Amino acid sequence: MTDNRDQLKRAAAAAAVTYLRSGMVIGLGAGTTARFALDLIAERIAGGSLTGVRGVPCSSQVAADAARLGIPLTTLEEHPVLDLTIDGADEISPSLDLIKGGGGALLHEKIVAQASRREIIIADDSKLSPALGTHRSLPVEVLPFGWRAQRDYLASLGAHVTLRADDAGTPFASDEGNRILDCDFGPISDPRALAADLDGRAGIVEHGLFLGLASEALVAGHGGLRRLTRT
């Protein structure tokens, strides 16, 4: 099953990479599906069909992988507007809103998405959902200072909250040194109202609700590839 899902992820990534043109400044997303795109971008650069491309990575791990693969990197300070970003998602609603952050890079991913003229999401069809929160918890990035107060606040909003940690119990640290609280709300009836509640809370740095940011999604399934656009 894993191999089959990997084939679907690669198919979605391959379709997205065809949107790239030489000279573009692109956002390099994080996660397993976006990693397939990274490999394919590197192949096109090495083969000479894609030249002058520079990438802004969404995490330190993506930066290391891209550098190892020979993808030239830049920063948002040097290029504050990106031509296109290719990224994955943990859950995709019918209106093309997203839950992201399963890999812990949600803050950088959202900054890059907001800086992009076009955000292309790649996924296999298991990521499609009738409502955000149906299949995935919502990652919320919080400051280490006072994080338990944020846990209690999120619980008061109706979430079952888990501090993300490794098997030894060591809390996960984002690239900015923050903690991640995984919040199981169940199906979220009003994502925008929830996002407003989270945006207004001191100590919550960012959340994984990506609303109105995706331009389109390329979703691979057993029946082929579908291109979804915002409704």
Protein backbone atom coordinates (compact mmCIF):
# COMPACT_ATOMS: atom_id res chain seq x y z
CA MET A 1 0.00 0.00 0.00
CA THR A 2 2.85 2.38 0.84
CA ASP A 3 4.50 1.79 -2.53
CA ASN A 4 1.20 2.46 -4.28
CA ARG A 5 0.69 5.71 -2.37
CA ASP A 6 4.23 6.72 -3.22
CA GLN A 7 3.46 6.18 -6.91
CA LEU A 8 0.42 8.45 -6.61
CA LYS A 9 2.40 11.12 -4.78
CA ARG A 10 5.09 11.03 -7.44
CA ALA A 11 2.46 11.33 -10.18
CA ALA A 12 1.01 14.45 -8.55
CA ALA A 13 4.50 15.89 -8.09
CA ALA A 14 5.43 15.19 -11.71
CA ALA A 15 2.35 17.05 -12.91
CA ALA A 16 3.17 20.06 -10.74
CA VAL A 17 6.78 20.26 -11.88
CA THR A 18 5.60 20.78 -15.47
CA TYR A 19 4.38 24.22 -14.35
CA LEU A 20 7.94 25.34 -13.66
CA ARG A 21 9.82 27.55 -16.08
CA SER A 22 13.46 28.55 -16.23
CA GLY A 23 14.30 31.63 -14.20
CA MET A 24 11.50 31.18 -11.67
CA VAL A 25 11.91 31.74 -7.95
CA ILE A 26 9.95 28.94 -6.32
CA GLY A 27 8.85 27.83 -2.87
CA LEU A 28 10.01 24.35 -1.90
CA GLY A 29 7.42 22.69 0.31
CA ALA A 30 8.00 20.25 3.15
CA GLY A 31 6.64 16.74 3.62
CA THR A 32 6.75 13.39 1.87
CA THR A 33 4.80 14.39 -1.24
CA ALA A 34 6.71 17.63 -1.71
CA ARG A 35 9.92 15.63 -1.45
CA PHE A 36 9.01 13.87 -4.71
CA ALA A 37 8.75 17.30 -6.34
CA LEU A 38 12.16 18.21 -4.96
CA ASP A 39 13.72 15.15 -6.57
CA LEU A 40 12.04 15.88 -9.90
CA ILE A 41 13.11 19.53 -9.86
CA ALA A 42 16.69 18.41 -9.21
CA GLU A 43 16.49 15.96 -12.13
CA ARG A 44 15.35 18.71 -14.50
CA ILE A 45 18.11 21.04 -13.32
CA ALA A 46 20.74 18.34 -13.71
CA GLY A 47 19.40 17.50 -17.17
CA GLY A 48 19.52 21.12 -18.29
CA SER A 49 15.82 21.54 -19.06
CA LEU A 50 15.34 23.90 -16.10
CA THR A 51 17.86 26.69 -15.65
CA GLY A 52 18.20 29.77 -13.49
CA VAL A 53 15.73 28.46 -10.93
CA ARG A 54 16.16 29.41 -7.28
CA GLY A 55 14.25 27.90 -4.39
CA VAL A 56 13.09 29.13 -1.00
CA PRO A 57 12.87 26.10 1.32
CA CYS A 58 10.08 25.77 3.89
CA SER A 59 12.24 24.03 6.50
CA SER A 60 15.82 23.41 7.47
CA GLN A 61 15.44 19.80 6.35
CA VAL A 62 14.19 20.87 2.93
CA ALA A 63 17.09 23.32 2.68
CA ALA A 64 19.57 20.54 3.42
CA ASP A 65 17.92 18.14 0.96
CA ALA A 66 17.73 20.76 -1.79
CA ALA A 67 21.35 21.77 -1.36
CA ARG A 68 22.45 18.14 -1.50
CA LEU A 69 20.44 17.66 -4.70
CA GLY A 70 22.00 20.69 -6.35
CA ILE A 71 18.99 23.04 -6.29
CA PRO A 72 20.18 26.66 -5.93
CA LEU A 73 18.65 28.34 -2.88
CA THR A 74 17.69 31.88 -2.02
CA THR A 75 15.71 33.66 0.69
CA LEU A 76 12.55 35.71 1.01
CA GLU A 77 14.75 38.64 1.98
CA GLU A 78 16.33 38.50 -1.48
CA HIS A 79 13.10 37.55 -3.28
CA PRO A 80 10.03 38.57 -1.25
CA VAL A 81 7.61 37.51 -4.01
CA LEU A 82 7.75 33.95 -5.33
CA ASP A 83 6.50 32.88 -8.73
CA LEU A 84 5.14 29.54 -7.58
CA THR A 85 5.22 27.16 -4.62
CA ILE A 86 4.71 23.41 -4.75
CA ASP A 87 3.69 21.92 -1.43
CA GLY A 88 1.70 19.06 0.04
CA ALA A 89 -1.22 18.99 2.46
CA ASP A 90 -2.50 16.77 5.23
CA GLU A 91 -6.16 17.37 4.41
CA ILE A 92 -7.96 19.12 1.55
CA SER A 93 -11.56 20.32 1.74
CA PRO A 94 -13.93 20.62 -1.26
CA SER A 95 -13.34 24.39 -1.27
CA LEU A 96 -9.56 23.82 -1.42
CA ASP A 97 -8.87 24.90 2.13
CA LEU A 98 -6.19 22.87 3.86
CA ILE A 99 -4.80 21.46 7.05
CA LYS A 100 -1.01 21.47 6.97
CA GLY A 101 1.77 21.05 9.47
CA GLY A 102 2.04 17.30 9.95
CA GLY A 103 5.79 17.66 9.50
CA GLY A 104 6.00 20.63 11.85
CA ALA A 105 6.93 23.26 9.23
CA LEU A 106 3.57 25.06 9.19
CA LEU A 107 4.88 28.51 10.13
CA HIS A 108 7.48 28.65 7.36
CA GLU A 109 5.07 26.96 4.92
CA LYS A 110 2.42 29.61 5.53
CA ILE A 111 4.90 32.48 5.18
CA VAL A 112 6.07 31.03 1.86
CA ALA A 113 2.50 30.40 0.69
CA GLN A 114 1.49 33.98 1.43
CA ALA A 115 4.52 35.24 -0.49
CA SER A 116 3.64 33.17 -3.59
CA ARG A 117 1.77 34.30 -6.66
CA ARG A 118 0.59 30.74 -7.09
CA GLU A 119 0.37 27.87 -4.58
CA ILE A 120 0.03 24.40 -6.09
CA ILE A 121 -0.86 21.60 -3.71
CA ILE A 122 0.07 18.04 -4.59
CA ALA A 123 -1.45 15.01 -2.90
CA ASP A 124 -2.83 11.54 -3.30
CA ASP A 125 -6.59 11.17 -3.00
CA SER A 126 -6.45 9.96 0.63
CA LYS A 127 -5.99 13.63 1.59
CA LEU A 128 -9.42 14.66 0.28
CA SER A 129 -11.98 15.27 3.00
CA PRO A 130 -15.59 16.44 3.24
CA ALA A 131 -14.60 18.86 6.03
CA LEU A 132 -11.30 19.88 7.57
CA GLY A 133 -10.61 17.99 10.78
CA THR A 134 -12.51 14.89 9.71
CA HIS A 135 -9.38 12.79 9.26
CA ARG A 136 -6.54 14.88 10.68
CA SER A 137 -5.75 16.79 13.83
CA LEU A 138 -4.94 20.47 13.50
CA PRO A 139 -1.32 21.36 14.33
CA VAL A 140 -0.94 24.54 16.36
CA GLU A 141 2.51 26.02 16.90
CA VAL A 142 2.96 27.69 20.29
CA LEU A 143 5.73 29.40 22.20
CA PRO A 144 7.42 27.20 24.81
CA PHE A 145 6.68 29.93 27.37
CA GLY A 146 3.25 29.28 28.83
CA TRP A 147 2.46 26.45 26.42
CA ARG A 148 0.18 24.71 28.93
CA ALA A 149 -2.04 27.80 28.96
CA GLN A 150 -2.41 27.41 25.19
CA ARG A 151 -3.20 23.72 25.63
CA ASP A 152 -5.99 24.62 28.06
CA TYR A 153 -7.29 27.35 25.76
CA LEU A 154 -7.42 24.96 22.81
CA ALA A 155 -9.22 22.39 24.95
CA SER A 156 -11.77 25.06 25.88
CA LEU A 157 -12.49 25.43 22.15
CA GLY A 158 -13.40 21.74 21.99
CA ALA A 159 -10.14 20.08 20.99
CA HIS A 160 -8.48 16.98 22.37
CA VAL A 161 -4.91 18.32 22.62
CA THR A 162 -1.66 16.35 22.45
CA LEU A 163 1.83 17.79 22.80
CA ARG A 164 3.87 16.49 19.87
CA ALA A 165 6.86 14.54 21.17
CA ASP A 166 9.14 11.68 20.19
CA ASP A 167 8.97 8.16 21.61
CA ALA A 168 11.18 9.20 24.52
CA GLY A 169 8.81 12.01 25.42
CA THR A 170 11.03 14.84 24.21
CA PRO A 171 8.85 17.65 22.83
CA PHE A 172 9.13 18.34 19.11
CA ALA A 173 10.83 21.66 18.34
CA SER A 174 10.05 23.57 15.15
CA ASP A 175 12.74 25.39 13.19
CA GLU A 176 11.90 28.43 15.31
CA GLY A 177 12.23 26.43 18.53
CA ASN A 178 8.49 26.32 19.21
CA ARG A 179 6.27 23.44 20.30
CA ILE A 180 3.45 21.83 18.36
CA LEU A 181 0.08 20.99 19.88
CA ASP A 182 -1.93 18.53 17.78
CA CYS A 183 -5.59 19.39 18.23
CA ASP A 184 -8.34 16.93 17.36
CA PHE A 185 -11.45 19.04 16.84
CA GLY A 186 -13.27 16.51 14.70
CA PRO A 187 -14.95 18.01 11.62
CA ILE A 188 -14.54 21.79 11.84
CA SER A 189 -17.84 23.44 10.97
CA ASP A 190 -16.44 26.98 10.62
CA PRO A 191 -12.71 26.98 9.86
CA ARG A 192 -12.57 30.75 9.47
CA ALA A 193 -14.09 31.39 12.87
CA LEU A 194 -11.67 28.93 14.45
CA ALA A 195 -8.75 30.55 12.62
CA ALA A 196 -9.80 33.95 13.97
CA ASP A 197 -9.91 32.56 17.52
CA LEU A 198 -6.42 31.13 17.12
CA ASP A 199 -5.00 34.22 15.41
CA GLY A 200 -6.15 36.39 18.29
CA ARG A 201 -4.51 34.38 21.05
CA ALA A 202 -1.13 35.53 22.41
CA GLY A 203 1.32 32.64 22.57
CA ILE A 204 -0.12 30.87 19.54
CA VAL A 205 2.47 31.51 16.85
CA GLU A 206 0.64 29.87 13.93
CA HIS A 207 -1.86 27.16 13.08
CA GLY A 208 -2.28 24.66 10.28
CA LEU A 209 -5.46 26.09 8.79
CA PHE A 210 -4.44 27.26 5.32
CA LEU A 211 -7.54 29.07 4.14
CA GLY A 212 -7.77 30.71 0.74
CA LEU A 213 -4.09 30.15 -0.02
CA ALA A 214 -4.09 27.24 -2.47
CA SER A 215 -4.48 28.21 -6.12
CA GLU A 216 -5.13 24.64 -7.20
CA ALA A 217 -4.54 21.05 -6.18
CA LEU A 218 -3.22 18.19 -8.29
CA VAL A 219 -4.60 15.01 -6.76
CA ALA A 220 -3.56 11.56 -7.94
CA GLY A 221 -5.78 8.53 -7.49
CA HIS A 222 -6.36 5.14 -9.03
CA GLY A 223 -8.57 6.77 -11.66
CA GLY A 224 -5.86 9.21 -12.72
CA LEU A 225 -4.91 12.77 -11.93
CA ARG A 226 -7.45 15.45 -11.07
CA ARG A 227 -6.87 19.19 -11.12
CA LEU A 228 -8.99 20.93 -8.50
CA THR A 229 -9.52 24.67 -8.37
CA ARG A 230 -11.04 26.87 -5.70
CA THR A 231 -14.84 27.03 -5.54
